[in-house]
Amino acid sequence: MIVFDLKCRNGHQFEAWFSNAAGFERLKKAGHVACSVCGSAKIEKALNAPNISPSKRKVATDSRPAAPAQTPPQQPALNGPGRYATDPAGAKVGELMKQLSDLRVQIEKNCDYVGPQFAEEARKMHYGEAEKRNIYGEASDVDARELADEGIEVSRIPWAIRRDS
């Protein structure tokens, strides 16, 4: 597994795990990688510093006793994507991700999934060709703009990734 720091065209940064670099490129090309904040599929890898481990210390060759090892400070628990619980922004991100996750549960519970036929189904309901009901699914940026131009109210929600599987 590999973790990448990603950045959307709106400047939001987040991290995501992939099986390898080729897996990231394949999913990105297929449109399956989206910003966890705004849902944008225009994603690029963000610049980040490499994780380089310090070299092992050389064994002392003189007769002086070695200094006692210092215990490293305890790291605070993680809260949200890559943030520590003591970081207020990280706590806020964690809270927002929980709200998005709860919203996803409510949508799945109370709405019919229509998949890629979302725009078509929304139009049918708007023009009285189908019974009105709560639906959710996928729509391209173009479809969403066209629906809005026709006066059809839709909302785009960044889909929170499930953490339970």
Protein backbone atom coordinates (compact mmCIF):
# COMPACT_ATOMS: atom_id res chain seq x y z
CA MET A 1 0.00 0.00 0.00
CA ILE A 2 1.08 3.56 -0.71
CA VAL A 3 -0.33 6.85 0.56
CA PHE A 4 -0.40 9.94 -1.63
CA ASP A 5 -1.03 13.53 -0.63
CA LEU A 6 -3.52 14.77 -3.21
CA LYS A 7 -4.73 18.23 -4.18
CA CYS A 8 -7.86 19.18 -6.15
CA ARG A 9 -8.20 22.09 -8.56
CA ASN A 10 -9.88 24.08 -5.76
CA GLY A 11 -6.78 23.79 -3.56
CA HIS A 12 -8.12 21.23 -1.06
CA GLN A 13 -5.46 18.79 0.14
CA PHE A 14 -6.16 15.29 1.42
CA GLU A 15 -4.52 11.89 1.52
CA ALA A 16 -5.58 8.58 0.05
CA TRP A 17 -4.22 5.03 0.04
CA PHE A 18 -3.66 2.98 -3.12
CA SER A 19 -2.25 -0.46 -3.82
CA ASN A 20 0.51 1.13 -5.92
CA ALA A 21 1.24 4.18 -8.10
CA ALA A 22 -0.23 2.50 -11.19
CA GLY A 23 -3.44 1.81 -9.24
CA PHE A 24 -3.74 5.52 -8.45
CA GLU A 25 -3.25 6.49 -12.10
CA ARG A 26 -5.79 3.88 -13.27
CA LEU A 27 -8.44 5.00 -10.76
CA LYS A 28 -7.79 8.69 -11.52
CA LYS A 29 -8.12 8.11 -15.27
CA ALA A 30 -11.42 6.25 -14.71
CA GLY A 31 -12.73 9.20 -12.65
CA HIS A 32 -12.88 7.26 -9.37
CA VAL A 33 -10.62 9.61 -7.40
CA ALA A 34 -12.39 12.71 -6.09
CA CYS A 35 -11.69 15.44 -3.55
CA SER A 36 -12.92 14.48 -0.10
CA VAL A 37 -14.01 18.08 0.49
CA CYS A 38 -15.66 19.36 -2.72
CA GLY A 39 -16.00 16.21 -4.86
CA SER A 40 -13.86 17.55 -7.73
CA ALA A 41 -12.34 14.82 -9.91
CA LYS A 42 -9.54 17.17 -11.08
CA ILE A 43 -6.89 15.67 -8.78
CA GLU A 44 -3.11 15.88 -8.82
CA LYS A 45 -0.47 14.56 -6.46
CA ALA A 46 0.58 17.28 -4.00
CA LEU A 47 4.21 17.97 -3.28
CA ASN A 48 5.39 16.38 -0.07
CA ALA A 49 8.62 15.68 1.70
CA PRO A 50 9.86 12.10 1.50
CA ASN A 51 9.90 10.05 4.68
CA ILE A 52 13.62 9.44 5.27
CA SER A 53 14.71 7.51 8.32
CA PRO A 54 17.85 8.75 10.06
CA SER A 55 20.87 6.48 9.85
CA LYS A 56 21.74 4.33 12.84
CA ARG A 57 24.15 5.93 15.28
CA LYS A 58 27.67 4.56 15.31
CA VAL A 59 28.67 2.67 18.44
CA ALA A 60 30.84 4.78 20.76
CA THR A 61 34.46 3.64 20.76
CA ASP A 62 35.66 5.47 23.87
CA SER A 63 35.36 4.25 27.46
CA ARG A 64 32.90 6.91 28.64
CA PRO A 65 29.50 5.58 29.65
CA ALA A 66 26.76 6.18 27.12
CA ALA A 67 24.08 8.73 27.95
CA PRO A 68 20.77 7.21 28.97
CA ALA A 69 18.31 6.88 26.13
CA GLN A 70 15.62 9.53 26.14
CA THR A 71 12.04 8.41 25.94
CA PRO A 72 10.39 10.05 22.94
CA PRO A 73 7.31 12.11 23.73
CA GLN A 74 3.97 10.35 23.25
CA GLN A 75 2.21 11.27 20.04
CA PRO A 76 -1.40 12.35 20.45
CA ALA A 77 -4.04 10.09 18.95
CA LEU A 78 -4.98 10.60 15.31
CA ASN A 79 -8.33 12.28 14.69
CA GLY A 80 -9.42 12.62 11.08
CA PRO A 81 -7.29 12.14 7.97
CA GLY A 82 -3.69 12.46 9.11
CA ARG A 83 -4.35 15.04 11.83
CA TYR A 84 -3.63 14.87 15.54
CA ALA A 85 -6.44 15.29 18.04
CA THR A 86 -4.70 18.37 19.46
CA ASP A 87 -4.88 20.08 16.04
CA PRO A 88 -8.19 22.06 15.93
CA ALA A 89 -8.29 21.89 12.12
CA GLY A 90 -7.84 18.10 12.28
CA ALA A 91 -10.67 17.79 14.78
CA LYS A 92 -12.91 19.88 12.52
CA VAL A 93 -12.03 17.73 9.49
CA GLY A 94 -12.83 14.61 11.49
CA GLU A 95 -16.17 16.09 12.56
CA LEU A 96 -17.05 17.06 8.97
CA MET A 97 -16.09 13.62 7.66
CA LYS A 98 -18.36 12.05 10.30
CA GLN A 99 -21.22 14.30 9.20
CA LEU A 100 -20.66 13.35 5.55
CA SER A 101 -20.61 9.69 6.52
CA ASP A 102 -23.88 10.09 8.46
CA LEU A 103 -25.40 11.93 5.48
CA ARG A 104 -24.42 9.06 3.18
CA VAL A 105 -26.17 6.57 5.47
CA GLN A 106 -29.34 8.70 5.46
CA ILE A 107 -29.29 9.11 1.67
CA GLU A 108 -28.80 5.38 1.09
CA LYS A 109 -31.58 4.60 3.56
CA ASN A 110 -34.16 7.08 2.20
CA CYS A 111 -33.42 7.41 -1.53
CA ASP A 112 -33.42 5.17 -4.60
CA TYR A 113 -30.04 4.62 -6.28
CA VAL A 114 -30.33 5.24 -10.04
CA GLY A 115 -26.61 5.15 -10.85
CA PRO A 116 -25.44 6.82 -14.05
CA GLN A 117 -29.07 7.39 -15.12
CA PHE A 118 -29.41 10.15 -12.51
CA ALA A 119 -29.78 13.05 -14.98
CA GLU A 120 -32.30 11.12 -17.08
CA GLU A 121 -34.38 10.12 -14.03
CA ALA A 122 -34.30 13.66 -12.60
CA ARG A 123 -35.58 15.05 -15.92
CA LYS A 124 -38.39 12.46 -16.10
CA MET A 125 -39.58 13.44 -12.62
CA HIS A 126 -39.24 17.18 -13.32
CA TYR A 127 -41.29 16.99 -16.52
CA GLY A 128 -43.96 14.70 -15.01
CA GLU A 129 -42.95 11.59 -16.98
CA ALA A 130 -42.15 9.66 -13.79
CA GLU A 131 -43.44 9.68 -10.22
CA LYS A 132 -41.46 12.01 -7.96
CA ARG A 133 -39.23 10.27 -5.43
CA ASN A 134 -35.90 10.82 -3.71
CA ILE A 135 -33.03 9.58 -5.88
CA TYR A 136 -29.25 9.64 -5.91
CA GLY A 137 -26.64 8.56 -8.42
CA GLU A 138 -23.86 9.87 -10.62
CA ALA A 139 -23.88 12.85 -12.95
CA SER A 140 -21.07 14.44 -14.92
CA ASP A 141 -20.23 18.13 -14.50
CA VAL A 142 -21.94 18.77 -17.85
CA ASP A 143 -25.11 16.89 -16.80
CA ALA A 144 -25.25 18.81 -13.50
CA ARG A 145 -24.93 22.17 -15.30
CA GLU A 146 -27.61 21.18 -17.84
CA LEU A 147 -30.00 20.12 -15.05
CA ALA A 148 -29.46 23.46 -13.30
CA ASP A 149 -30.03 25.33 -16.59
CA GLU A 150 -33.36 23.50 -16.96
CA GLY A 151 -34.40 24.57 -13.46
CA ILE A 152 -34.02 21.09 -11.98
CA GLU A 153 -32.72 21.36 -8.43
CA VAL A 154 -29.94 18.91 -7.63
CA SER A 155 -27.16 18.89 -5.06
CA ARG A 156 -23.68 17.49 -5.46
CA ILE A 157 -22.37 15.93 -2.29
CA PRO A 158 -18.79 14.68 -1.77
CA TRP A 159 -19.29 10.99 -1.06
CA ALA A 160 -17.59 10.00 2.18
CA ILE A 161 -15.51 6.85 1.83
CA ARG A 162 -16.69 3.93 3.93
CA ARG A 163 -14.24 2.98 6.64
CA ASP A 164 -16.01 -0.19 7.83
CA SER A 165 -14.88 -2.58 5.09
